[in-house]
Amino acid sequence: TCLALPPDDAFEKMAQNPIVKLFRPLVSWKMRKTAESNVAEIDGVP
C-alpha cells in the first residue's frame, strides 16, 4: 500500500485461466507442499 505497488495482473488472471481451473487441485496441492517444505526446514529451531 505505502509503495503503491501495481496490481499483480498476471497472478489475478491466472486464477481465471481455464487451464488453471482444470488443474486447480494440483496447483493448490503444489502451493501447499512448497509451504510445508519451508515449515519442515525450520522445524526444530531452538
All heavy atoms as atom14 arrays in JSON, in Angstrom:
{
  "sequence": "TCLALPPDDAFEKMAQNPIVKLFRPLVSWKMRKTAESNVAEIDGVP",
  "atom14_mask": [
    [1, 1, 1, 1, 1, 1, 1, 0, 0, 0, 0, 0, 0, 0],
    [1, 1, 1, 1, 1, 1, 0, 0, 0, 0, 0, 0, 0, 0],
    [1, 1, 1, 1, 1, 1, 1, 1, 0, 0, 0, 0, 0, 0],
    [1, 1, 1, 1, 1, 0, 0, 0, 0, 0, 0, 0, 0, 0],
    [1, 1, 1, 1, 1, 1, 1, 1, 0, 0, 0, 0, 0, 0],
    [1, 1, 1, 1, 1, 1, 1, 0, 0, 0, 0, 0, 0, 0],
    [1, 1, 1, 1, 1, 1, 1, 0, 0, 0, 0, 0, 0, 0],
    [1, 1, 1, 1, 1, 1, 1, 1, 0, 0, 0, 0, 0, 0],
    [1, 1, 1, 1, 1, 1, 1, 1, 0, 0, 0, 0, 0, 0],
    [1, 1, 1, 1, 1, 0, 0, 0, 0, 0, 0, 0, 0, 0],
    [1, 1, 1, 1, 1, 1, 1, 1, 1, 1, 1, 0, 0, 0],
    [1, 1, 1, 1, 1, 1, 1, 1, 1, 0, 0, 0, 0, 0],
    [1, 1, 1, 1, 1, 1, 1, 1, 1, 0, 0, 0, 0, 0],
    [1, 1, 1, 1, 1, 1, 1, 1, 0, 0, 0, 0, 0, 0],
    [1, 1, 1, 1, 1, 0, 0, 0, 0, 0, 0, 0, 0, 0],
    [1, 1, 1, 1, 1, 1, 1, 1, 1, 0, 0, 0, 0, 0],
    [1, 1, 1, 1, 1, 1, 1, 1, 0, 0, 0, 0, 0, 0],
    [1, 1, 1, 1, 1, 1, 1, 0, 0, 0, 0, 0, 0, 0],
    [1, 1, 1, 1, 1, 1, 1, 1, 0, 0, 0, 0, 0, 0],
    [1, 1, 1, 1, 1, 1, 1, 0, 0, 0, 0, 0, 0, 0],
    [1, 1, 1, 1, 1, 1, 1, 1, 1, 0, 0, 0, 0, 0],
    [1, 1, 1, 1, 1, 1, 1, 1, 0, 0, 0, 0, 0, 0],
    [1, 1, 1, 1, 1, 1, 1, 1, 1, 1, 1, 0, 0, 0],
    [1, 1, 1, 1, 1, 1, 1, 1, 1, 1, 1, 0, 0, 0],
    [1, 1, 1, 1, 1, 1, 1, 0, 0, 0, 0, 0, 0, 0],
    [1, 1, 1, 1, 1, 1, 1, 1, 0, 0, 0, 0, 0, 0],
    [1, 1, 1, 1, 1, 1, 1, 0, 0, 0, 0, 0, 0, 0],
    [1, 1, 1, 1, 1, 1, 0, 0, 0, 0, 0, 0, 0, 0],
    [1, 1, 1, 1, 1, 1, 1, 1, 1, 1, 1, 1, 1, 1],
    [1, 1, 1, 1, 1, 1, 1, 1, 1, 0, 0, 0, 0, 0],
    [1, 1, 1, 1, 1, 1, 1, 1, 0, 0, 0, 0, 0, 0],
    [1, 1, 1, 1, 1, 1, 1, 1, 1, 1, 1, 0, 0, 0],
    [1, 1, 1, 1, 1, 1, 1, 1, 1, 0, 0, 0, 0, 0],
    [1, 1, 1, 1, 1, 1, 1, 0, 0, 0, 0, 0, 0, 0],
    [1, 1, 1, 1, 1, 0, 0, 0, 0, 0, 0, 0, 0, 0],
    [1, 1, 1, 1, 1, 1, 1, 1, 1, 0, 0, 0, 0, 0],
    [1, 1, 1, 1, 1, 1, 0, 0, 0, 0, 0, 0, 0, 0],
    [1, 1, 1, 1, 1, 1, 1, 1, 0, 0, 0, 0, 0, 0],
    [1, 1, 1, 1, 1, 1, 1, 0, 0, 0, 0, 0, 0, 0],
    [1, 1, 1, 1, 1, 0, 0, 0, 0, 0, 0, 0, 0, 0],
    [1, 1, 1, 1, 1, 1, 1, 1, 1, 0, 0, 0, 0, 0],
    [1, 1, 1, 1, 1, 1, 1, 1, 0, 0, 0, 0, 0, 0],
    [1, 1, 1, 1, 1, 1, 1, 1, 0, 0, 0, 0, 0, 0],
    [1, 1, 1, 1, 0, 0, 0, 0, 0, 0, 0, 0, 0, 0],
    [1, 1, 1, 1, 1, 1, 1, 0, 0, 0, 0, 0, 0, 0],
    [1, 1, 1, 1, 1, 1, 1, 0, 0, 0, 0, 0, 0, 0]
  ],
  "atom14_positions": [
    [[0.82, -1.21, 0.0], [0.0, 0.0, 0.0], [0.85, 1.26, 0.0], [0.66, 2.15, -0.83], [-0.94, 0.01, 1.22], [-1.85, -1.09, 1.12], [-1.74, 1.3, 1.29], [0.0, 0.0, 0.0], [0.0, 0.0, 0.0], [0.0, 0.0, 0.0], [0.0, 0.0, 0.0], [0.0, 0.0, 0.0], [0.0, 0.0, 0.0], [0.0, 0.0, 0.0]],
    [[1.79, 1.36, 0.94], [2.6, 2.58, 1.03], [3.36, 2.84, -0.26], [3.47, 3.99, -0.7], [3.57, 2.47, 2.2], [2.79, 2.52, 3.83], [0.0, 0.0, 0.0], [0.0, 0.0, 0.0], [0.0, 0.0, 0.0], [0.0, 0.0, 0.0], [0.0, 0.0, 0.0], [0.0, 0.0, 0.0], [0.0, 0.0, 0.0], [0.0, 0.0, 0.0]],
    [[3.88, 1.79, -0.87], [4.67, 1.94, -2.1], [3.81, 1.96, -3.35], [4.31, 2.14, -4.45], [5.71, 0.83, -2.19], [6.72, 0.78, -1.03], [7.63, -0.43, -1.16], [7.55, 2.06, -0.98], [0.0, 0.0, 0.0], [0.0, 0.0, 0.0], [0.0, 0.0, 0.0], [0.0, 0.0, 0.0], [0.0, 0.0, 0.0], [0.0, 0.0, 0.0]],
    [[2.48, 1.76, -3.17], [1.52, 1.77, -4.29], [1.95, 0.81, -5.39], [1.96, 1.14, -6.57], [1.37, 3.19, -4.84], [0.0, 0.0, 0.0], [0.0, 0.0, 0.0], [0.0, 0.0, 0.0], [0.0, 0.0, 0.0], [0.0, 0.0, 0.0], [0.0, 0.0, 0.0], [0.0, 0.0, 0.0], [0.0, 0.0, 0.0], [0.0, 0.0, 0.0]],
    [[2.28, -0.42, -4.98], [2.72, -1.41, -5.97], [1.6, -1.71, -6.95], [0.43, -1.82, -6.56], [3.15, -2.7, -5.27], [4.32, -2.56, -4.28], [4.72, -3.93, -3.77], [5.51, -1.85, -4.92], [0.0, 0.0, 0.0], [0.0, 0.0, 0.0], [0.0, 0.0, 0.0], [0.0, 0.0, 0.0], [0.0, 0.0, 0.0], [0.0, 0.0, 0.0]],
    [[1.91, -1.86, -8.23], [0.86, -2.12, -9.21], [0.26, -3.51, -9.0], [0.97, -4.44, -8.59], [1.6, -2.05, -10.55], [3.03, -2.34, -10.21], [3.25, -1.78, -8.84], [0.0, 0.0, 0.0], [0.0, 0.0, 0.0], [0.0, 0.0, 0.0], [0.0, 0.0, 0.0], [0.0, 0.0, 0.0], [0.0, 0.0, 0.0], [0.0, 0.0, 0.0]],
    [[-1.03, -3.67, -9.21], [-1.66, -4.99, -9.02], [-0.95, -6.07, -9.84], [-0.45, -5.81, -10.94], [-3.09, -4.77, -9.53], [-3.32, -3.3, -9.36], [-2.0, -2.65, -9.63], [0.0, 0.0, 0.0], [0.0, 0.0, 0.0], [0.0, 0.0, 0.0], [0.0, 0.0, 0.0], [0.0, 0.0, 0.0], [0.0, 0.0, 0.0], [0.0, 0.0, 0.0]],
    [[-0.9, -7.26, -9.27], [-0.26, -8.39, -9.96], [-1.28, -8.98, -10.93], [-1.91, -10.02, -10.67], [0.19, -9.42, -8.93], [1.16, -10.45, -9.53], [1.17, -10.58, -10.76], [1.87, -11.11, -8.75], [0.0, 0.0, 0.0], [0.0, 0.0, 0.0], [0.0, 0.0, 0.0], [0.0, 0.0, 0.0], [0.0, 0.0, 0.0], [0.0, 0.0, 0.0]],
    [[-1.46, -8.3, -12.06], [-2.48, -8.71, -13.02], [-2.27, -10.14, -13.51], [-3.24, -10.87, -13.73], [-2.49, -7.75, -14.22], [-2.99, -6.36, -13.84], [-3.76, -6.26, -12.87], [-2.61, -5.39, -14.51], [0.0, 0.0, 0.0], [0.0, 0.0, 0.0], [0.0, 0.0, 0.0], [0.0, 0.0, 0.0], [0.0, 0.0, 0.0], [0.0, 0.0, 0.0]],
    [[-1.01, -10.54, -13.69], [-0.73, -11.88, -14.21], [-1.25, -12.95, -13.25], [-1.86, -13.93, -13.68], [0.77, -12.05, -14.45], [0.0, 0.0, 0.0], [0.0, 0.0, 0.0], [0.0, 0.0, 0.0], [0.0, 0.0, 0.0], [0.0, 0.0, 0.0], [0.0, 0.0, 0.0], [0.0, 0.0, 0.0], [0.0, 0.0, 0.0], [0.0, 0.0, 0.0]],
    [[-1.02, -12.75, -11.94], [-1.48, -13.74, -10.96], [-3.0, -13.72, -10.86], [-3.64, -14.77, -10.77], [-0.86, -13.45, -9.59], [-1.2, -14.47, -8.55], [-0.83, -15.8, -8.69], [-1.9, -14.11, -7.4], [-1.15, -16.75, -7.73], [-2.22, -15.04, -6.43], [-1.83, -16.36, -6.59], [0.0, 0.0, 0.0], [0.0, 0.0, 0.0], [0.0, 0.0, 0.0]],
    [[-3.6, -12.54, -10.88], [-5.06, -12.44, -10.79], [-5.72, -13.09, -12.01], [-6.75, -13.76, -11.88], [-5.47, -10.98, -10.66], [-5.06, -10.37, -9.31], [-5.52, -8.93, -9.15], [-6.53, -8.55, -9.77], [-4.88, -8.17, -8.39], [0.0, 0.0, 0.0], [0.0, 0.0, 0.0], [0.0, 0.0, 0.0], [0.0, 0.0, 0.0], [0.0, 0.0, 0.0]],
    [[-5.12, -12.91, -13.18], [-5.67, -13.53, -14.39], [-5.47, -15.05, -14.38], [-6.28, -15.8, -14.91], [-5.05, -12.91, -15.63], [-5.49, -11.48, -15.88], [-4.76, -10.87, -17.08], [-5.2, -9.43, -17.32], [-4.44, -8.79, -18.42], [0.0, 0.0, 0.0], [0.0, 0.0, 0.0], [0.0, 0.0, 0.0], [0.0, 0.0, 0.0], [0.0, 0.0, 0.0]],
    [[-4.35, -15.48, -13.78], [-4.07, -16.92, -13.73], [-5.19, -17.67, -13.03], [-5.58, -18.77, -13.42], [-2.74, -17.17, -13.02], [-2.31, -18.63, -13.03], [-0.8, -18.93, -12.09], [-1.43, -18.99, -10.43], [0.0, 0.0, 0.0], [0.0, 0.0, 0.0], [0.0, 0.0, 0.0], [0.0, 0.0, 0.0], [0.0, 0.0, 0.0], [0.0, 0.0, 0.0]],
    [[-5.74, -17.05, -11.97], [-6.82, -17.71, -11.22], [-8.06, -17.9, -12.07], [-8.9, -18.76, -11.77], [-7.15, -16.9, -9.97], [0.0, 0.0, 0.0], [0.0, 0.0, 0.0], [0.0, 0.0, 0.0], [0.0, 0.0, 0.0], [0.0, 0.0, 0.0], [0.0, 0.0, 0.0], [0.0, 0.0, 0.0], [0.0, 0.0, 0.0], [0.0, 0.0, 0.0]],
    [[-8.2, -17.08, -13.12], [-9.36, -17.18, -14.0], [-9.1, -18.05, -15.23], [-10.02, -18.34, -16.0], [-9.76, -15.76, -14.49], [-9.95, -14.75, -13.37], [-11.14, -15.05, -12.51], [-12.08, -15.7, -12.94], [-11.12, -14.57, -11.26], [0.0, 0.0, 0.0], [0.0, 0.0, 0.0], [0.0, 0.0, 0.0], [0.0, 0.0, 0.0], [0.0, 0.0, 0.0]],
    [[-7.84, -18.45, -15.41], [-7.46, -19.21, -16.59], [-8.14, -20.58, -16.61], [-8.08, -21.32, -15.62], [-5.94, -19.39, -16.6], [-5.42, -19.99, -17.89], [-5.87, -21.06, -18.31], [-4.47, -19.32, -18.51], [0.0, 0.0, 0.0], [0.0, 0.0, 0.0], [0.0, 0.0, 0.0], [0.0, 0.0, 0.0], [0.0, 0.0, 0.0], [0.0, 0.0, 0.0]],
    [[-8.8, -20.94, -17.71], [-9.49, -22.24, -17.77], [-8.57, -23.43, -17.5], [-8.98, -24.42, -16.89], [-10.04, -22.29, -19.2], [-10.17, -20.85, -19.6], [-9.03, -20.15, -18.92], [0.0, 0.0, 0.0], [0.0, 0.0, 0.0], [0.0, 0.0, 0.0], [0.0, 0.0, 0.0], [0.0, 0.0, 0.0], [0.0, 0.0, 0.0], [0.0, 0.0, 0.0]],
    [[-7.31, -23.32, -17.93], [-6.38, -24.42, -17.71], [-6.07, -24.55, -16.21], [-6.02, -25.65, -15.66], [-5.08, -24.2, -18.52], [-5.38, -24.23, -20.01], [-4.04, -25.25, -18.16], [-4.19, -23.96, -20.9], [0.0, 0.0, 0.0], [0.0, 0.0, 0.0], [0.0, 0.0, 0.0], [0.0, 0.0, 0.0], [0.0, 0.0, 0.0], [0.0, 0.0, 0.0]],
    [[-5.87, -23.38, -15.55], [-5.61, -23.41, -14.11], [-6.83, -23.94, -13.37], [-6.71, -24.72, -12.42], [-5.23, -22.0, -13.6], [-5.14, -21.99, -12.08], [-3.91, -21.56, -14.21], [0.0, 0.0, 0.0], [0.0, 0.0, 0.0], [0.0, 0.0, 0.0], [0.0, 0.0, 0.0], [0.0, 0.0, 0.0], [0.0, 0.0, 0.0], [0.0, 0.0, 0.0]],
    [[-8.03, -23.54, -13.85], [-9.25, -24.05, -13.21], [-9.31, -25.57, -13.33], [-9.7, -26.26, -12.39], [-10.47, -23.43, -13.88], [-10.67, -21.95, -13.56], [-11.93, -21.42, -14.24], [-12.14, -19.96, -13.94], [-13.34, -19.42, -14.61], [0.0, 0.0, 0.0], [0.0, 0.0, 0.0], [0.0, 0.0, 0.0], [0.0, 0.0, 0.0], [0.0, 0.0, 0.0]],
    [[-8.9, -26.09, -14.49], [-8.93, -27.53, -14.71], [-7.97, -28.25, -13.78], [-8.3, -29.31, -13.22], [-8.57, -27.83, -16.17], [-8.57, -29.31, -16.59], [-9.96, -29.9, -16.46], [-8.06, -29.45, -18.03], [0.0, 0.0, 0.0], [0.0, 0.0, 0.0], [0.0, 0.0, 0.0], [0.0, 0.0, 0.0], [0.0, 0.0, 0.0], [0.0, 0.0, 0.0]],
    [[-6.78, -27.66, -13.59], [-5.75, -28.29, -12.76], [-5.66, -27.64, -11.38], [-4.64, -27.76, -10.7], [-4.4, -28.22, -13.47], [-4.31, -29.06, -14.7], [-4.47, -28.5, -15.95], [-4.1, -30.43, -14.61], [-4.4, -29.27, -17.1], [-4.04, -31.22, -15.74], [-4.19, -30.64, -17.0], [0.0, 0.0, 0.0], [0.0, 0.0, 0.0], [0.0, 0.0, 0.0]],
    [[-6.74, -26.97, -10.96], [-6.73, -26.25, -9.69], [-6.33, -27.14, -8.51], [-5.51, -26.71, -7.67], [-8.1, -25.63, -9.45], [-8.18, -24.78, -8.19], [-9.56, -24.14, -8.1], [-9.71, -23.07, -9.06], [-10.87, -22.65, -9.56], [-11.99, -23.24, -9.19], [-10.92, -21.64, -10.39], [0.0, 0.0, 0.0], [0.0, 0.0, 0.0], [0.0, 0.0, 0.0]],
    [[-6.84, -28.35, -8.38], [-6.42, -29.19, -7.23], [-4.91, -29.43, -7.22], [-4.28, -29.41, -6.16], [-7.2, -30.48, -7.43], [-8.4, -30.08, -8.22], [-7.9, -29.02, -9.16], [0.0, 0.0, 0.0], [0.0, 0.0, 0.0], [0.0, 0.0, 0.0], [0.0, 0.0, 0.0], [0.0, 0.0, 0.0], [0.0, 0.0, 0.0], [0.0, 0.0, 0.0]],
    [[-4.33, -29.63, -8.42], [-2.88, -29.87, -8.5], [-2.1, -28.61, -8.14], [-1.11, -28.67, -7.4], [-2.51, -30.34, -9.9], [-1.01, -30.62, -10.14], [-0.52, -31.72, -9.21], [-0.77, -30.99, -11.61], [0.0, 0.0, 0.0], [0.0, 0.0, 0.0], [0.0, 0.0, 0.0], [0.0, 0.0, 0.0], [0.0, 0.0, 0.0], [0.0, 0.0, 0.0]],
    [[-2.55, -27.45, -8.66], [-1.86, -26.19, -8.37], [-1.93, -25.89, -6.87], [-0.94, -25.5, -6.25], [-2.47, -25.04, -9.2], [-1.84, -23.7, -8.79], [-2.28, -25.28, -10.68], [0.0, 0.0, 0.0], [0.0, 0.0, 0.0], [0.0, 0.0, 0.0], [0.0, 0.0, 0.0], [0.0, 0.0, 0.0], [0.0, 0.0, 0.0], [0.0, 0.0, 0.0]],
    [[-3.12, -26.08, -6.29], [-3.29, -25.83, -4.86], [-2.41, -26.77, -4.04], [-1.78, -26.36, -3.06], [-4.76, -26.02, -4.48], [-4.96, -25.81, -3.11], [0.0, 0.0, 0.0], [0.0, 0.0, 0.0], [0.0, 0.0, 0.0], [0.0, 0.0, 0.0], [0.0, 0.0, 0.0], [0.0, 0.0, 0.0], [0.0, 0.0, 0.0], [0.0, 0.0, 0.0]],
    [[-2.38, -28.04, -4.44], [-1.54, -29.02, -3.74], [-0.07, -28.63, -3.81], [0.65, -28.7, -2.8], [-1.74, -30.4, -4.37], [-0.87, -31.48, -3.8], [-1.09, -32.23, -2.69], [0.41, -31.9, -4.32], [-0.05, -33.1, -2.49], [0.88, -32.93, -3.46], [1.17, -31.53, -5.42], [2.09, -33.58, -3.69], [2.39, -32.16, -5.64], [2.84, -33.18, -4.77]],
    [[0.37, -28.17, -4.98], [1.77, -27.78, -5.16], [2.1, -26.58, -4.28], [3.17, -26.54, -3.63], [2.03, -27.44, -6.63], [3.43, -26.92, -6.93], [4.51, -27.93, -6.6], [5.88, -27.42, -7.0], [6.97, -28.34, -6.56], [0.0, 0.0, 0.0], [0.0, 0.0, 0.0], [0.0, 0.0, 0.0], [0.0, 0.0, 0.0], [0.0, 0.0, 0.0]],
    [[1.21, -25.59, -4.21], [1.44, -24.42, -3.36], [1.57, -24.84, -1.9], [2.44, -24.36, -1.17], [0.3, -23.41, -3.53], [0.27, -22.73, -4.88], [-1.24, -21.75, -5.15], [-1.09, -20.52, -3.85], [0.0, 0.0, 0.0], [0.0, 0.0, 0.0], [0.0, 0.0, 0.0], [0.0, 0.0, 0.0], [0.0, 0.0, 0.0], [0.0, 0.0, 0.0]],
    [[0.7, -25.74, -1.5], [0.72, -26.17, -0.1], [1.97, -26.97, 0.21], [2.59, -26.77, 1.27], [-0.53, -26.99, 0.19], [-0.61, -27.45, 1.64], [-1.98, -27.99, 1.99], [-2.05, -28.36, 3.39], [-3.17, -28.66, 4.01], [-4.31, -28.62, 3.35], [-3.17, -28.99, 5.27], [0.0, 0.0, 0.0], [0.0, 0.0, 0.0], [0.0, 0.0, 0.0]],
    [[2.36, -27.87, -0.68], [3.55, -28.69, -0.44], [4.81, -27.83, -0.38], [5.73, -28.11, 0.4], [3.68, -29.77, -1.53], [2.68, -30.9, -1.37], [2.88, -31.62, -0.04], [1.88, -32.71, 0.18], [2.03, -33.35, 1.51], [0.0, 0.0, 0.0], [0.0, 0.0, 0.0], [0.0, 0.0, 0.0], [0.0, 0.0, 0.0], [0.0, 0.0, 0.0]],
    [[4.87, -26.78, -1.22], [6.02, -25.88, -1.19], [6.11, -25.2, 0.17], [7.19, -25.12, 0.78], [5.91, -24.83, -2.3], [5.87, -25.48, -3.57], [7.08, -23.87, -2.27], [0.0, 0.0, 0.0], [0.0, 0.0, 0.0], [0.0, 0.0, 0.0], [0.0, 0.0, 0.0], [0.0, 0.0, 0.0], [0.0, 0.0, 0.0], [0.0, 0.0, 0.0]],
    [[4.97, -24.73, 0.69], [4.96, -24.08, 2.0], [5.29, -25.07, 3.1], [6.01, -24.75, 4.06], [3.6, -23.43, 2.25], [0.0, 0.0, 0.0], [0.0, 0.0, 0.0], [0.0, 0.0, 0.0], [0.0, 0.0, 0.0], [0.0, 0.0, 0.0], [0.0, 0.0, 0.0], [0.0, 0.0, 0.0], [0.0, 0.0, 0.0], [0.0, 0.0, 0.0]],
    [[4.79, -26.29, 3.0], [5.07, -27.3, 4.01], [6.56, -27.61, 4.09], [7.09, -27.88, 5.17], [4.28, -28.57, 3.73], [2.79, -28.45, 4.06], [2.0, -29.67, 3.66], [2.57, -30.56, 2.98], [0.81, -29.75, 4.02], [0.0, 0.0, 0.0], [0.0, 0.0, 0.0], [0.0, 0.0, 0.0], [0.0, 0.0, 0.0], [0.0, 0.0, 0.0]],
    [[7.24, -27.57, 2.95], [8.68, -27.83, 2.97], [9.43, -26.73, 3.7], [10.44, -26.98, 4.36], [9.22, -27.97, 1.54], [9.2, -26.73, 0.85], [0.0, 0.0, 0.0], [0.0, 0.0, 0.0], [0.0, 0.0, 0.0], [0.0, 0.0, 0.0], [0.0, 0.0, 0.0], [0.0, 0.0, 0.0], [0.0, 0.0, 0.0], [0.0, 0.0, 0.0]],
    [[8.93, -25.49, 3.62], [9.54, -24.39, 4.37], [9.39, -24.6, 5.87], [10.33, -24.37, 6.65], [8.91, -23.06, 3.98], [9.06, -22.73, 2.52], [10.07, -23.09, 1.91], [8.09, -22.05, 1.95], [0.0, 0.0, 0.0], [0.0, 0.0, 0.0], [0.0, 0.0, 0.0], [0.0, 0.0, 0.0], [0.0, 0.0, 0.0], [0.0, 0.0, 0.0]],
    [[8.21, -25.05, 6.29], [7.96, -25.3, 7.71], [8.83, -26.46, 8.18], [9.4, -26.42, 9.28], [6.47, -25.6, 7.96], [6.24, -26.1, 9.37], [5.64, -24.35, 7.71], [0.0, 0.0, 0.0], [0.0, 0.0, 0.0], [0.0, 0.0, 0.0], [0.0, 0.0, 0.0], [0.0, 0.0, 0.0], [0.0, 0.0, 0.0], [0.0, 0.0, 0.0]],
    [[8.97, -27.49, 7.35], [9.79, -28.64, 7.72], [11.25, -28.23, 7.91], [11.93, -28.72, 8.82], [9.68, -29.73, 6.65], [0.0, 0.0, 0.0], [0.0, 0.0, 0.0], [0.0, 0.0, 0.0], [0.0, 0.0, 0.0], [0.0, 0.0, 0.0], [0.0, 0.0, 0.0], [0.0, 0.0, 0.0], [0.0, 0.0, 0.0], [0.0, 0.0, 0.0]],
    [[11.72, -27.3, 7.08], [13.11, -26.84, 7.18], [13.39, -26.14, 8.5], [14.47, -26.23, 9.06], [13.45, -25.89, 6.03], [13.99, -26.58, 4.81], [14.56, -25.59, 3.8], [14.88, -24.45, 4.19], [14.67, -25.97, 2.64], [0.0, 0.0, 0.0], [0.0, 0.0, 0.0], [0.0, 0.0, 0.0], [0.0, 0.0, 0.0], [0.0, 0.0, 0.0]],
    [[12.41, -25.39, 8.97], [12.63, -24.58, 10.17], [12.22, -25.33, 11.44], [12.44, -24.86, 12.54], [11.85, -23.24, 10.04], [12.57, -22.15, 10.85], [10.4, -23.37, 10.46], [12.12, -20.75, 10.49], [0.0, 0.0, 0.0], [0.0, 0.0, 0.0], [0.0, 0.0, 0.0], [0.0, 0.0, 0.0], [0.0, 0.0, 0.0], [0.0, 0.0, 0.0]],
    [[11.63, -26.51, 11.29], [11.22, -27.3, 12.44], [12.44, -27.68, 13.27], [13.49, -28.05, 12.73], [10.5, -28.57, 11.97], [9.87, -29.33, 13.11], [9.4, -28.67, 14.05], [9.85, -30.57, 13.07], [0.0, 0.0, 0.0], [0.0, 0.0, 0.0], [0.0, 0.0, 0.0], [0.0, 0.0, 0.0], [0.0, 0.0, 0.0], [0.0, 0.0, 0.0]],
    [[12.32, -27.57, 14.55], [13.43, -27.94, 15.42], [14.36, -26.79, 15.76], [15.34, -26.99, 16.48], [0.0, 0.0, 0.0], [0.0, 0.0, 0.0], [0.0, 0.0, 0.0], [0.0, 0.0, 0.0], [0.0, 0.0, 0.0], [0.0, 0.0, 0.0], [0.0, 0.0, 0.0], [0.0, 0.0, 0.0], [0.0, 0.0, 0.0], [0.0, 0.0, 0.0]],
    [[14.07, -25.58, 15.24], [14.89, -24.42, 15.6], [14.71, -24.14, 17.08], [13.58, -24.15, 17.58], [14.48, -23.19, 14.76], [15.18, -21.93, 15.26], [14.79, -23.42, 13.28], [0.0, 0.0, 0.0], [0.0, 0.0, 0.0], [0.0, 0.0, 0.0], [0.0, 0.0, 0.0], [0.0, 0.0, 0.0], [0.0, 0.0, 0.0], [0.0, 0.0, 0.0]],
    [[15.79, -23.92, 17.81], [15.66, -23.69, 19.27], [14.74, -22.52, 19.58], [14.62, -21.58, 18.8], [17.11, -23.38, 19.7], [17.97, -23.99, 18.65], [17.18, -23.9, 17.37], [0.0, 0.0, 0.0], [0.0, 0.0, 0.0], [0.0, 0.0, 0.0], [0.0, 0.0, 0.0], [0.0, 0.0, 0.0], [0.0, 0.0, 0.0], [0.0, 0.0, 0.0]]
  ]
}
